[in-house]
Structure formats: C-alpha cells, structure tokens
Amino acid sequence: HLVGFRGEGFNSVTPLGGPVDIEGHVGFDGRHYMLDFARLFPCEAWDSQAGPRRYVRGQHLYRLLRPELVRTSPMPLSSDALTAFGRCDPRS
C-alpha cells in the first residue's frame, strides 16, 4: 500500500507493508486510525502433500507465525502469500 498525502503542496508517499485487508481511516477528530490487524502476521504453511484433511478451511486466519519467528526471517514475509489475496497469474 502507498500511504501519505499527494496534492496541494504535499508529495509525501511511503510504501507500507501489510495484509491487503488492513484499513486506514481519518476520524472525525482528524486523527489517523488503523483497523483490521487480524492478519498482520503471515499464516503457517500447510503440507499440500498430506491431502485435503491437512488443510482446515479458514486456518490462514488463526494459524499465524509468531512475531519472534517473523523477526528472524532473512527475507520479508507476506501475510497474503498463502491466501486468495496472494494468488497471481505467473503469465502476467
């Protein structure tokens, strides 16, 4: 996501990594609020070779990696990688 201000003398845009369904709002009080942090951490991978019984529908919402493990990863991890949000067409 790109966040910040553009237009009328402002051009301060910064990339912000996070799940696709995280929300940012400006409240009636003028303050900024972030919502929907439920999928902030990446989900645990499941073994596709173990068959359909290994995967439980919706497990990407509650079987999440612990922050301690995410911090030790040598590369950035995506919380959308194993969800329908993370699907992409390799031909495009």
PDB file of N, CA and C in Angstrom:
ATOM      1  N   HIS A   1       0.842  -1.175   0.000  1.00  0.00           N
ATOM      2  CA  HIS A   1       0.000   0.000   0.000  1.00  0.00           C
ATOM      3  C   HIS A   1       0.887   1.238   0.000  1.00  0.00           C
ATOM      4  N   LEU A   2       0.450   2.276  -0.664  1.00  0.00           N
ATOM      5  CA  LEU A   2       1.121   3.561  -0.571  1.00  0.00           C
ATOM      6  C   LEU A   2       0.299   4.444   0.356  1.00  0.00           C
ATOM      7  N   VAL A   3       0.957   5.043   1.326  1.00  0.00           N
ATOM      8  CA  VAL A   3       0.261   5.898   2.277  1.00  0.00           C
ATOM      9  C   VAL A   3       0.913   7.271   2.290  1.00  0.00           C
ATOM     10  N   GLY A   4       0.135   8.273   2.610  1.00  0.00           N
ATOM     11  CA  GLY A   4       0.659   9.625   2.698  1.00  0.00           C
ATOM     12  C   GLY A   4      -0.273  10.619   2.035  1.00  0.00           C
ATOM     13  N   PHE A   5       0.285  11.754   1.681  1.00  0.00           N
ATOM     14  CA  PHE A   5      -0.501  12.832   1.094  1.00  0.00           C
ATOM     15  C   PHE A   5       0.055  13.179  -0.279  1.00  0.00           C
ATOM     16  N   ARG A   6      -0.830  13.460  -1.212  1.00  0.00           N
ATOM     17  CA  ARG A   6      -0.453  13.952  -2.527  1.00  0.00           C
ATOM     18  C   ARG A   6      -1.359  15.115  -2.871  1.00  0.00           C
ATOM     19  N   GLY A   7      -0.786  16.112  -3.507  1.00  0.00           N
ATOM     20  CA  GLY A   7      -1.586  17.243  -3.972  1.00  0.00           C
ATOM     21  C   GLY A   7      -1.471  18.448  -3.068  1.00  0.00           C
ATOM     22  N   GLU A   8      -1.752  19.600  -3.627  1.00  0.00           N
ATOM     23  CA  GLU A   8      -1.742  20.880  -2.931  1.00  0.00           C
ATOM     24  C   GLU A   8      -0.500  21.086  -2.077  1.00  0.00           C
ATOM     25  N   GLY A   9       0.666  20.944  -2.695  1.00  0.00           N
ATOM     26  CA  GLY A   9       1.920  21.194  -1.998  1.00  0.00           C
ATOM     27  C   GLY A   9       2.470  20.011  -1.227  1.00  0.00           C
ATOM     28  N   PHE A  10       1.732  18.925  -1.134  1.00  0.00           N
ATOM     29  CA  PHE A  10       2.199  17.734  -0.433  1.00  0.00           C
ATOM     30  C   PHE A  10       2.553  16.651  -1.446  1.00  0.00           C
ATOM     31  N   ASN A  11       3.656  16.008  -1.230  1.00  0.00           N
ATOM     32  CA  ASN A  11       4.004  14.838  -2.033  1.00  0.00           C
ATOM     33  C   ASN A  11       4.826  13.910  -1.154  1.00  0.00           C
ATOM     34  N   SER A  12       4.209  13.433  -0.109  1.00  0.00           N
ATOM     35  CA  SER A  12       4.871  12.564   0.845  1.00  0.00           C
ATOM     36  C   SER A  12       4.154  11.218   0.861  1.00  0.00           C
ATOM     37  N   VAL A  13       4.633  10.282   0.028  1.00  0.00           N
ATOM     38  CA  VAL A  13       4.017   8.964  -0.067  1.00  0.00           C
ATOM     39  C   VAL A  13       5.064   7.929   0.301  1.00  0.00           C
ATOM     40  N   THR A  14       4.694   7.002   1.175  1.00  0.00           N
ATOM     41  CA  THR A  14       5.605   5.968   1.660  1.00  0.00           C
ATOM     42  C   THR A  14       4.953   4.606   1.500  1.00  0.00           C
ATOM     43  N   PRO A  15       5.714   3.603   1.043  1.00  0.00           N
ATOM     44  CA  PRO A  15       5.131   2.255   0.994  1.00  0.00           C
ATOM     45  C   PRO A  15       4.996   1.682   2.406  1.00  0.00           C
ATOM     46  N   LEU A  16       3.874   1.009   2.650  1.00  0.00           N
ATOM     47  CA  LEU A  16       3.606   0.389   3.944  1.00  0.00           C
ATOM     48  C   LEU A  16       3.202  -1.052   3.693  1.00  0.00           C
ATOM     49  N   GLY A  17       3.981  -1.986   4.205  1.00  0.00           N
ATOM     50  CA  GLY A  17       3.674  -3.395   4.017  1.00  0.00           C
ATOM     51  C   GLY A  17       2.647  -3.883   5.019  1.00  0.00           C
ATOM     52  N   GLY A  18       1.773  -4.753   4.576  1.00  0.00           N
ATOM     53  CA  GLY A  18       0.758  -5.308   5.463  1.00  0.00           C
ATOM     54  C   GLY A  18      -0.247  -6.101   4.662  1.00  0.00           C
ATOM     55  N   PRO A  19      -1.185  -6.738   5.334  1.00  0.00           N
ATOM     56  CA  PRO A  19      -2.194  -7.515   4.622  1.00  0.00           C
ATOM     57  C   PRO A  19      -3.097  -6.614   3.785  1.00  0.00           C
ATOM     58  N   VAL A  20      -3.638  -7.181   2.735  1.00  0.00           N
ATOM     59  CA  VAL A  20      -4.450  -6.397   1.808  1.00  0.00           C
ATOM     60  C   VAL A  20      -5.717  -5.848   2.461  1.00  0.00           C
ATOM     61  N   ASP A  21      -6.202  -6.500   3.504  1.00  0.00           N
ATOM     62  CA  ASP A  21      -7.458  -6.058   4.105  1.00  0.00           C
ATOM     63  C   ASP A  21      -7.284  -5.158   5.325  1.00  0.00           C
ATOM     64  N   ILE A  22      -6.075  -4.686   5.589  1.00  0.00           N
ATOM     65  CA  ILE A  22      -5.888  -3.730   6.677  1.00  0.00           C
ATOM     66  C   ILE A  22      -6.499  -2.391   6.245  1.00  0.00           C
ATOM     67  N   GLU A  23      -7.015  -1.651   7.185  1.00  0.00           N
ATOM     68  CA  GLU A  23      -7.703  -0.402   6.848  1.00  0.00           C
ATOM     69  C   GLU A  23      -7.077   0.782   7.569  1.00  0.00           C
ATOM     70  N   GLY A  24      -7.056   1.906   6.899  1.00  0.00           N
ATOM     71  CA  GLY A  24      -6.637   3.167   7.497  1.00  0.00           C
ATOM     72  C   GLY A  24      -7.729   4.202   7.291  1.00  0.00           C
ATOM     73  N   HIS A  25      -8.039   4.955   8.321  1.00  0.00           N
ATOM     74  CA  HIS A  25      -9.110   5.954   8.240  1.00  0.00           C
ATOM     75  C   HIS A  25      -8.675   7.225   8.953  1.00  0.00           C
ATOM     76  N   VAL A  26      -9.236   8.336   8.516  1.00  0.00           N
ATOM     77  CA  VAL A  26      -9.096   9.595   9.238  1.00  0.00           C
ATOM     78  C   VAL A  26     -10.425   9.810   9.955  1.00  0.00           C
ATOM     79  N   GLY A  27     -10.373   9.905  11.279  1.00  0.00           N
ATOM     80  CA  GLY A  27     -11.590  10.052  12.075  1.00  0.00           C
ATOM     81  C   GLY A  27     -12.157  11.452  12.005  1.00  0.00           C
ATOM     82  N   PHE A  28     -13.353  11.589  12.527  1.00  0.00           N
ATOM     83  CA  PHE A  28     -13.996  12.909  12.576  1.00  0.00           C
ATOM     84  C   PHE A  28     -13.183  13.888  13.430  1.00  0.00           C
ATOM     85  N   ASP A  29     -12.314  13.341  14.286  1.00  0.00           N
ATOM     86  CA  ASP A  29     -11.468  14.188  15.115  1.00  0.00           C
ATOM     87  C   ASP A  29     -10.172  14.581  14.406  1.00  0.00           C
ATOM     88  N   GLY A  30     -10.007  14.143  13.131  1.00  0.00           N
ATOM     89  CA  GLY A  30      -8.824  14.489  12.353  1.00  0.00           C
ATOM     90  C   GLY A  30      -7.633  13.570  12.598  1.00  0.00           C
ATOM     91  N   ARG A  31      -7.757  12.626  13.511  1.00  0.00           N
ATOM     92  CA  ARG A  31      -6.657  11.703  13.805  1.00  0.00           C
ATOM     93  C   ARG A  31      -6.730  10.495  12.881  1.00  0.00           C
ATOM     94  N   HIS A  32      -5.570   9.854  12.682  1.00  0.00           N
ATOM     95  CA  HIS A  32      -5.486   8.685  11.810  1.00  0.00           C
ATOM     96  C   HIS A  32      -5.632   7.405  12.633  1.00  0.00           C
ATOM     97  N   TYR A  33      -6.410   6.452  12.091  1.00  0.00           N
ATOM     98  CA  TYR A  33      -6.663   5.192  12.772  1.00  0.00           C
ATOM     99  C   TYR A  33      -6.415   4.031  11.812  1.00  0.00           C
ATOM    100  N   MET A  34      -5.851   2.941  12.340  1.00  0.00           N
ATOM    101  CA  MET A  34      -5.653   1.712  11.572  1.00  0.00           C
ATOM    102  C   MET A  34      -6.547   0.642  12.197  1.00  0.00           C
ATOM    103  N   LEU A  35      -7.173  -0.187  11.335  1.00  0.00           N
ATOM    104  CA  LEU A  35      -8.081  -1.247  11.776  1.00  0.00           C
ATOM    105  C   LEU A  35      -7.753  -2.556  11.066  1.00  0.00           C
ATOM    106  N   ASP A  36      -8.304  -3.627  11.574  1.00  0.00           N
ATOM    107  CA  ASP A  36      -8.191  -4.968  10.978  1.00  0.00           C
ATOM    108  C   ASP A  36      -6.758  -5.489  10.962  1.00  0.00           C
ATOM    109  N   PHE A  37      -6.194  -5.625  12.141  1.00  0.00           N
ATOM    110  CA  PHE A  37      -4.844  -6.171  12.279  1.00  0.00           C
ATOM    111  C   PHE A  37      -4.846  -7.694  12.436  1.00  0.00           C
ATOM    112  N   ALA A  38      -5.997  -8.338  12.237  1.00  0.00           N
ATOM    113  CA  ALA A  38      -6.118  -9.774  12.498  1.00  0.00           C
ATOM    114  C   ALA A  38      -5.117 -10.598  11.695  1.00  0.00           C
ATOM    115  N   ARG A  39      -4.805 -10.183  10.468  1.00  0.00           N
ATOM    116  CA  ARG A  39      -3.887 -10.958   9.630  1.00  0.00           C
ATOM    117  C   ARG A  39      -2.548 -10.238   9.445  1.00  0.00           C
ATOM    118  N   LEU A  40      -2.115  -9.510  10.431  1.00  0.00           N
ATOM    119  CA  LEU A  40      -0.865  -8.779  10.312  1.00  0.00           C
ATOM    120  C   LEU A  40       0.329  -9.720  10.135  1.00  0.00           C
ATOM    121  N   PHE A  41       0.314 -10.846  10.847  1.00  0.00           N
ATOM    122  CA  PHE A  41       1.414 -11.809  10.738  1.00  0.00           C
ATOM    123  C   PHE A  41       1.089 -12.862   9.687  1.00  0.00           C
ATOM    124  N   PRO A  42       2.114 -13.385   9.001  1.00  0.00           N
ATOM    125  CA  PRO A  42       1.895 -14.411   7.974  1.00  0.00           C
ATOM    126  C   PRO A  42       1.321 -15.688   8.583  1.00  0.00           C
ATOM    127  N   CYS A  43       0.561 -16.411   7.757  1.00  0.00           N
ATOM    128  CA  CYS A  43      -0.011 -17.660   8.244  1.00  0.00           C
ATOM    129  C   CYS A  43       0.992 -18.805   8.106  1.00  0.00           C
ATOM    130  N   GLU A  44       0.747 -19.825   8.889  1.00  0.00           N
ATOM    131  CA  GLU A  44       1.567 -21.028   8.865  1.00  0.00           C
ATOM    132  C   GLU A  44       1.281 -21.792   7.571  1.00  0.00           C
ATOM    133  N   ALA A  45       2.316 -22.281   6.911  1.00  0.00           N
ATOM    134  CA  ALA A  45       2.129 -23.071   5.687  1.00  0.00           C
ATOM    135  C   ALA A  45       1.580 -24.442   6.047  1.00  0.00           C
ATOM    136  N   TRP A  46       0.770 -25.007   5.178  1.00  0.00           N
ATOM    137  CA  TRP A  46       0.264 -26.356   5.392  1.00  0.00           C
ATOM    138  C   TRP A  46       0.904 -27.277   4.369  1.00  0.00           C
ATOM    139  N   ASP A  47       0.923 -28.540   4.677  1.00  0.00           N
ATOM    140  CA  ASP A  47       1.547 -29.536   3.813  1.00  0.00           C
ATOM    141  C   ASP A  47       0.533 -29.997   2.775  1.00  0.00           C
ATOM    142  N   SER A  48       0.662 -29.508   1.544  1.00  0.00           N
ATOM    143  CA  SER A  48      -0.294 -29.873   0.494  1.00  0.00           C
ATOM    144  C   SER A  48      -0.182 -31.341   0.113  1.00  0.00           C
ATOM    145  N   GLN A  49       0.943 -31.973   0.420  1.00  0.00           N
ATOM    146  CA  GLN A  49       1.121 -33.392   0.107  1.00  0.00           C
ATOM    147  C   GLN A  49       0.365 -34.289   1.088  1.00  0.00           C
ATOM    148  N   ALA A  50      -0.049 -33.736   2.214  1.00  0.00           N
ATOM    149  CA  ALA A  50      -0.750 -34.523   3.229  1.00  0.00           C
ATOM    150  C   ALA A  50      -2.219 -34.724   2.884  1.00  0.00           C
ATOM    151  N   GLY A  51      -2.669 -34.114   1.811  1.00  0.00           N
ATOM    152  CA  GLY A  51      -4.048 -34.298   1.378  1.00  0.00           C
ATOM    153  C   GLY A  51      -4.976 -33.242   1.941  1.00  0.00           C
ATOM    154  N   PRO A  52      -6.231 -33.276   1.503  1.00  0.00           N
ATOM    155  CA  PRO A  52      -7.190 -32.235   1.897  1.00  0.00           C
ATOM    156  C   PRO A  52      -7.506 -32.213   3.386  1.00  0.00           C
ATOM    157  N   ARG A  53      -7.302 -33.330   4.092  1.00  0.00           N
ATOM    158  CA  ARG A  53      -7.605 -33.340   5.531  1.00  0.00           C
ATOM    159  C   ARG A  53      -6.626 -32.477   6.316  1.00  0.00           C
ATOM    160  N   ARG A  54      -5.438 -32.255   5.766  1.00  0.00           N
ATOM    161  CA  ARG A  54      -4.422 -31.454   6.459  1.00  0.00           C
ATOM    162  C   ARG A  54      -4.823 -29.985   6.510  1.00  0.00           C
ATOM    163  N   TYR A  55      -5.480 -29.485   5.476  1.00  0.00           N
ATOM    164  CA  TYR A  55      -5.891 -28.084   5.431  1.00  0.00           C
ATOM    165  C   TYR A  55      -7.269 -27.935   6.063  1.00  0.00           C
ATOM    166  N   VAL A  56      -7.409 -26.961   6.922  1.00  0.00           N
ATOM    167  CA  VAL A  56      -8.692 -26.656   7.551  1.00  0.00           C
ATOM    168  C   VAL A  56      -9.137 -25.295   7.022  1.00  0.00           C
ATOM    169  N   ARG A  57     -10.340 -25.259   6.496  1.00  0.00           N
ATOM    170  CA  ARG A  57     -10.844 -24.006   5.916  1.00  0.00           C
ATOM    171  C   ARG A  57     -10.719 -22.852   6.913  1.00  0.00           C
ATOM    172  N   GLY A  58     -10.147 -21.764   6.455  1.00  0.00           N
ATOM    173  CA  GLY A  58     -10.008 -20.572   7.276  1.00  0.00           C
ATOM    174  C   GLY A  58      -8.806 -20.567   8.200  1.00  0.00           C
ATOM    175  N   GLN A  59      -7.956 -21.586   8.127  1.00  0.00           N
ATOM    176  CA  GLN A  59      -6.828 -21.646   9.069  1.00  0.00           C
ATOM    177  C   GLN A  59      -5.842 -20.493   8.866  1.00  0.00           C
ATOM    178  N   HIS A  60      -5.861 -19.857   7.703  1.00  0.00           N
ATOM    179  CA  HIS A  60      -4.979 -18.707   7.486  1.00  0.00           C
ATOM    180  C   HIS A  60      -5.371 -17.520   8.366  1.00  0.00           C
ATOM    181  N   LEU A  61      -6.533 -17.604   8.998  1.00  0.00           N
ATOM    182  CA  LEU A  61      -6.978 -16.529   9.879  1.00  0.00           C
ATOM    183  C   LEU A  61      -6.545 -16.717  11.327  1.00  0.00           C
ATOM    184  N   TYR A  62      -6.150 -17.943  11.698  1.00  0.00           N
ATOM    185  CA  TYR A  62      -5.803 -18.159  13.102  1.00  0.00           C
ATOM    186  C   TYR A  62      -4.515 -18.949  13.318  1.00  0.00           C
ATOM    187  N   ARG A  63      -3.976 -19.610  12.310  1.00  0.00           N
ATOM    188  CA  ARG A  63      -2.700 -20.320  12.475  1.00  0.00           C
ATOM    189  C   ARG A  63      -1.594 -19.424  11.925  1.00  0.00           C
ATOM    190  N   LEU A  64      -1.205 -18.465  12.730  1.00  0.00           N
ATOM    191  CA  LEU A  64      -0.255 -17.439  12.302  1.00  0.00           C
ATOM    192  C   LEU A  64       1.119 -17.678  12.912  1.00  0.00           C
ATOM    193  N   LEU A  65       2.146 -17.216  12.193  1.00  0.00           N
ATOM    194  CA  LEU A  65       3.509 -17.319  12.710  1.00  0.00           C
ATOM    195  C   LEU A  65       3.690 -16.353  13.869  1.00  0.00           C
ATOM    196  N   ARG A  66       4.489 -16.755  14.829  1.00  0.00           N
ATOM    197  CA  ARG A  66       4.758 -15.900  15.990  1.00  0.00           C
ATOM    198  C   ARG A  66       5.701 -14.762  15.597  1.00  0.00           C
ATOM    199  N   PRO A  67       5.564 -13.603  16.244  1.00  0.00           N
ATOM    200  CA  PRO A  67       6.426 -12.464  15.929  1.00  0.00           C
ATOM    201  C   PRO A  67       7.910 -12.790  16.065  1.00  0.00           C
ATOM    202  N   GLU A  68       8.265 -13.630  17.036  1.00  0.00           N
ATOM    203  CA  GLU A  68       9.677 -13.978  17.231  1.00  0.00           C
ATOM    204  C   GLU A  68      10.243 -14.682  16.008  1.00  0.00           C
ATOM    205  N   LEU A  69       9.459 -15.527  15.370  1.00  0.00           N
ATOM    206  CA  LEU A  69       9.907 -16.222  14.167  1.00  0.00           C
ATOM    207  C   LEU A  69       9.973 -15.270  12.969  1.00  0.00           C
ATOM    208  N   VAL A  70       8.987 -14.423  12.839  1.00  0.00           N
ATOM    209  CA  VAL A  70       8.964 -13.469  11.724  1.00  0.00           C
ATOM    210  C   VAL A  70      10.187 -12.553  11.783  1.00  0.00           C
ATOM    211  N   ARG A  71      10.560 -12.112  12.964  1.00  0.00           N
ATOM    212  CA  ARG A  71      11.727 -11.230  13.122  1.00  0.00           C
ATOM    213  C   ARG A  71      13.026 -11.884  12.661  1.00  0.00           C
ATOM    214  N   THR A  72      13.121 -13.214  12.775  1.00  0.00           N
ATOM    215  CA  THR A  72      14.368 -13.894  12.418  1.00  0.00           C
ATOM    216  C   THR A  72      14.458 -14.247  10.940  1.00  0.00           C
ATOM    217  N   SER A  73      13.405 -14.011  10.182  1.00  0.00           N
ATOM    218  CA  SER A  73      13.421 -14.345   8.759  1.00  0.00           C
ATOM    219  C   SER A  73      14.389 -13.436   8.007  1.00  0.00           C
ATOM    220  N   PRO A  74      15.256 -14.019   7.161  1.00  0.00           N
ATOM    221  CA  PRO A  74      16.201 -13.197   6.402  1.00  0.00           C
ATOM    222  C   PRO A  74      15.536 -12.419   5.268  1.00  0.00           C
ATOM    223  N   MET A  75      14.307 -12.764   4.927  1.00  0.00           N
ATOM    224  CA  MET A  75      13.606 -12.036   3.866  1.00  0.00           C
ATOM    225  C   MET A  75      12.212 -11.643   4.343  1.00  0.00           C
ATOM    226  N   PRO A  76      11.633 -10.605   3.745  1.00  0.00           N
ATOM    227  CA  PRO A  76      10.286 -10.192   4.149  1.00  0.00           C
ATOM    228  C   PRO A  76       9.275 -11.309   3.896  1.00  0.00           C
ATOM    229  N   LEU A  77       8.319 -11.440   4.798  1.00  0.00           N
ATOM    230  CA  LEU A  77       7.264 -12.435   4.659  1.00  0.00           C
ATOM    231  C   LEU A  77       5.942 -11.720   4.392  1.00  0.00           C
ATOM    232  N   SER A  78       5.108 -12.324   3.570  1.00  0.00           N
ATOM    233  CA  SER A  78       3.821 -11.724   3.225  1.00  0.00           C
ATOM    234  C   SER A  78       2.690 -12.432   3.951  1.00  0.00           C
ATOM    235  N   SER A  79       1.841 -11.663   4.595  1.00  0.00           N
ATOM    236  CA  SER A  79       0.685 -12.265   5.256  1.00  0.00           C
ATOM    237  C   SER A  79      -0.388 -12.652   4.245  1.00  0.00           C
ATOM    238  N   ASP A  80      -0.227 -12.271   2.990  1.00  0.00           N
ATOM    239  CA  ASP A  80      -1.171 -12.631   1.934  1.00  0.00           C
ATOM    240  C   ASP A  80      -0.687 -13.792   1.065  1.00  0.00           C
ATOM    241  N   ALA A  81       0.518 -14.289   1.299  1.00  0.00           N
ATOM    242  CA  ALA A  81       1.138 -15.263   0.404  1.00  0.00           C
ATOM    243  C   ALA A  81       0.334 -16.546   0.220  1.00  0.00           C
ATOM    244  N   LEU A  82      -0.255 -17.086   1.250  1.00  0.00           N
ATOM    245  CA  LEU A  82      -0.971 -18.363   1.158  1.00  0.00           C
ATOM    246  C   LEU A  82      -2.481 -18.183   1.170  1.00  0.00           C
ATOM    247  N   THR A  83      -2.945 -17.024   0.755  1.00  0.00           N
ATOM    248  CA  THR A  83      -4.377 -16.744   0.708  1.00  0.00           C
ATOM    249  C   THR A  83      -4.775 -16.438  -0.729  1.00  0.00           C
ATOM    250  N   ALA A  84      -6.058 -16.313  -0.964  1.00  0.00           N
ATOM    251  CA  ALA A  84      -6.534 -15.928  -2.300  1.00  0.00           C
ATOM    252  C   ALA A  84      -6.040 -14.533  -2.668  1.00  0.00           C
ATOM    253  N   PHE A  85      -5.778 -13.689  -1.676  1.00  0.00           N
ATOM    254  CA  PHE A  85      -5.247 -12.348  -1.960  1.00  0.00           C
ATOM    255  C   PHE A  85      -3.861 -12.429  -2.599  1.00  0.00           C
ATOM    256  N   GLY A  86      -3.112 -13.452  -2.239  1.00  0.00           N
ATOM    257  CA  GLY A  86      -1.736 -13.591  -2.724  1.00  0.00           C
ATOM    258  C   GLY A  86      -1.606 -14.316  -4.039  1.00  0.00           C
ATOM    259  N   ARG A  87      -2.701 -14.813  -4.562  1.00  0.00           N
ATOM    260  CA  ARG A  87      -2.629 -15.523  -5.844  1.00  0.00           C
ATOM    261  C   ARG A  87      -2.349 -14.540  -6.966  1.00  0.00           C
ATOM    262  N   CYS A  88      -1.537 -14.981  -7.892  1.00  0.00           N
ATOM    263  CA  CYS A  88      -1.273 -14.157  -9.058  1.00  0.00           C
ATOM    264  C   CYS A  88      -1.084 -15.079 -10.263  1.00  0.00           C
ATOM    265  N   ASP A  89      -1.257 -14.519 -11.416  1.00  0.00           N
ATOM    266  CA  ASP A  89      -1.080 -15.255 -12.657  1.00  0.00           C
ATOM    267  C   ASP A  89       0.386 -15.117 -13.063  1.00  0.00           C
ATOM    268  N   PRO A  90       1.165 -16.205 -13.041  1.00  0.00           N
ATOM    269  CA  PRO A  90       2.591 -16.107 -13.381  1.00  0.00           C
ATOM    270  C   PRO A  90       2.828 -15.685 -14.821  1.00  0.00           C
ATOM    271  N   ARG A  91       1.799 -15.753 -15.656  1.00  0.00           N
ATOM    272  CA  ARG A  91       1.959 -15.352 -17.059  1.00  0.00           C
ATOM    273  C   ARG A  91       1.811 -13.854 -17.247  1.00  0.00           C
ATOM    274  N   SER A  92       1.325 -13.145 -16.213  1.00  0.00           N
ATOM    275  CA  SER A  92       1.130 -11.698 -16.370  1.00  0.00           C
ATOM    276  C   SER A  92       2.268 -10.915 -15.784  1.00  0.00           C
TER     277      SER A  92
END
